[in-house]
C-alpha atoms as a PDB file:
ATOM      1  CA  MET A   1      -0.029   0.005  -0.028  1.00  0.00           C
ATOM      2  CA  LEU A   2       1.226   3.464  -0.776  1.00  0.00           C
ATOM      3  CA  CYS A   3       0.803   6.451   1.531  1.00  0.00           C
ATOM      4  CA  PRO A   4      -2.132   8.503   0.437  1.00  0.00           C
ATOM      5  CA  LEU A   5      -0.274  11.727   1.400  1.00  0.00           C
ATOM      6  CA  CYS A   6       3.198  11.301   0.015  1.00  0.00           C
ATOM      7  CA  LYS A   7       3.035   8.002  -1.910  1.00  0.00           C
ATOM      8  CA  GLY A   8       5.768   6.399   0.305  1.00  0.00           C
ATOM      9  CA  SER A   9       5.647   2.808   1.374  1.00  0.00           C
ATOM     10  CA  MET A  10       3.318   1.844   4.163  1.00  0.00           C
ATOM     11  CA  GLU A  11       4.683  -0.824   6.663  1.00  0.00           C
ATOM     12  CA  LYS A  12       3.066  -2.771   9.367  1.00  0.00           C
ATOM     13  CA  ASN A  13       3.744  -1.141  12.816  1.00  0.00           C
ATOM     14  CA  VAL A  14       2.044   0.299  15.825  1.00  0.00           C
ATOM     15  CA  ALA A  15       0.534   3.647  16.785  1.00  0.00           C
ATOM     16  CA  ASN A  16      -0.481   5.454  19.960  1.00  0.00           C
ATOM     17  CA  LEU A  17      -3.952   6.984  19.547  1.00  0.00           C
ATOM     18  CA  PRO A  18      -5.099   9.775  21.927  1.00  0.00           C
ATOM     19  CA  TYR A  19      -8.818  10.312  22.479  1.00  0.00           C
ATOM     20  CA  ARG A  20     -10.745  13.016  24.323  1.00  0.00           C
ATOM     21  CA  LEU A  21     -13.886  11.701  25.640  1.00  0.00           C
ATOM     22  CA  PRO A  22     -16.941  13.536  26.967  1.00  0.00           C
ATOM     23  CA  GLY A  23     -16.543  15.125  30.274  1.00  0.00           C
ATOM     24  CA  ASN A  24     -12.911  16.332  29.541  1.00  0.00           C
ATOM     25  CA  LYS A  25     -11.537  12.671  29.819  1.00  0.00           C
ATOM     26  CA  LEU A  26      -8.430  11.658  27.968  1.00  0.00           C
ATOM     27  CA  VAL A  27      -7.393   8.062  26.987  1.00  0.00           C
ATOM     28  CA  VAL A  28      -4.452   6.931  25.086  1.00  0.00           C
ATOM     29  CA  MET A  29      -4.673   3.622  23.265  1.00  0.00           C
ATOM     30  CA  THR A  30      -1.051   2.213  22.957  1.00  0.00           C
ATOM     31  CA  ASP A  31       0.531  -0.146  20.491  1.00  0.00           C
ATOM     32  CA  VAL A  32      -2.442  -0.244  18.281  1.00  0.00           C
ATOM     33  CA  PRO A  33      -1.745  -2.116  14.919  1.00  0.00           C
ATOM     34  CA  ALA A  34      -1.294   0.340  12.080  1.00  0.00           C
ATOM     35  CA  LEU A  35       0.265   0.883   8.701  1.00  0.00           C
ATOM     36  CA  VAL A  36       2.813   3.666   8.927  1.00  0.00           C
ATOM     37  CA  CYS A  37       4.504   5.492   6.163  1.00  0.00           C
ATOM     38  CA  GLU A  38       8.287   5.054   6.148  1.00  0.00           C
ATOM     39  CA  GLN A  39       8.511   8.477   4.456  1.00  0.00           C
ATOM     40  CA  CYS A  40       6.321  10.860   6.176  1.00  0.00           C
ATOM     41  CA  GLY A  41       5.174   8.912   9.252  1.00  0.00           C
ATOM     42  CA  ASP A  42       1.432   9.064   8.527  1.00  0.00           C
ATOM     43  CA  GLU A  43      -0.491   6.294  10.218  1.00  0.00           C
ATOM     44  CA  TYR A  44      -3.524   4.212   8.762  1.00  0.00           C
ATOM     45  CA  ILE A  45      -5.661   2.252  11.043  1.00  0.00           C
ATOM     46  CA  GLU A  46      -7.656  -0.612   9.305  1.00  0.00           C
ATOM     47  CA  ILE A  47     -11.476  -0.543  10.019  1.00  0.00           C
ATOM     48  CA  ASP A  48     -11.454  -3.993  11.843  1.00  0.00           C
ATOM     49  CA  VAL A  49      -8.951  -2.492  14.304  1.00  0.00           C
ATOM     50  CA  VAL A  50     -10.895   0.820  14.568  1.00  0.00           C
ATOM     51  CA  ARG A  51     -13.981  -1.109  15.636  1.00  0.00           C
ATOM     52  CA  LYS A  52     -12.076  -2.966  18.564  1.00  0.00           C
ATOM     53  CA  VAL A  53     -10.694   0.401  19.695  1.00  0.00           C
ATOM     54  CA  GLU A  54     -14.181   1.774  19.603  1.00  0.00           C
ATOM     55  CA  LYS A  55     -15.409  -1.074  21.800  1.00  0.00           C
ATOM     56  CA  VAL A  56     -12.672  -0.525  24.232  1.00  0.00           C
ATOM     57  CA  LEU A  57     -13.471   3.191  24.507  1.00  0.00           C
ATOM     58  CA  GLU A  58     -17.132   2.384  25.222  1.00  0.00           C
ATOM     59  CA  LYS A  59     -15.872   0.179  28.037  1.00  0.00           C
ATOM     60  CA  VAL A  60     -13.657   2.821  29.155  1.00  0.00           C
ATOM     61  CA  GLN A  61     -16.321   5.287  29.468  1.00  0.00           C
ATOM     62  CA  ALA A  62     -18.654   2.808  31.129  1.00  0.00           C
ATOM     63  CA  ASP A  63     -16.015   2.002  33.797  1.00  0.00           C
ATOM     64  CA  GLY A  64     -15.694   5.826  34.721  1.00  0.00           C
ATOM     65  CA  ILE A  65     -12.053   6.110  33.749  1.00  0.00           C
ATOM     66  CA  SER A  66     -11.210   9.788  33.437  1.00  0.00           C
ATOM     67  CA  MET A  67      -7.418   9.555  32.351  1.00  0.00           C
ATOM     68  CA  GLY A  68      -5.201   6.661  31.382  1.00  0.00           C
ATOM     69  CA  PHE A  69      -3.282   4.537  29.033  1.00  0.00           C
ATOM     70  CA  VAL A  70      -4.737   1.395  27.620  1.00  0.00           C
ATOM     71  CA  GLU A  71      -2.714  -1.186  25.903  1.00  0.00           C
ATOM     72  CA  TYR A  72      -4.573  -2.406  22.765  1.00  0.00           C
ATOM     73  CA  ASP A  73      -3.407  -6.078  22.928  1.00  0.00           C
ATOM     74  CA  LEU A  74      -4.576  -6.528  26.556  1.00  0.00           C
ATOM     75  CA  ALA A  75      -7.910  -4.687  26.041  1.00  0.00           C
ATOM     76  CA  ALA A  76      -9.161  -5.633  22.597  1.00  0.00           C
END
């Protein structure tokens, strides 16, 4: 796959995704599988991974977490 921004090569890697949730809550999902451009660093997250991240974020909100780091492999 080529990067949509710079046409560089996209390689399998991981990304850290920050989320601001309602109520001024901040959660960072770490080590999320991603395709990362070797040239410009742009990150692309595939839809199946995004769906898992969304489910984890729903649980984080339900658990009342207001700030923290969530490791993707352990939570998804």
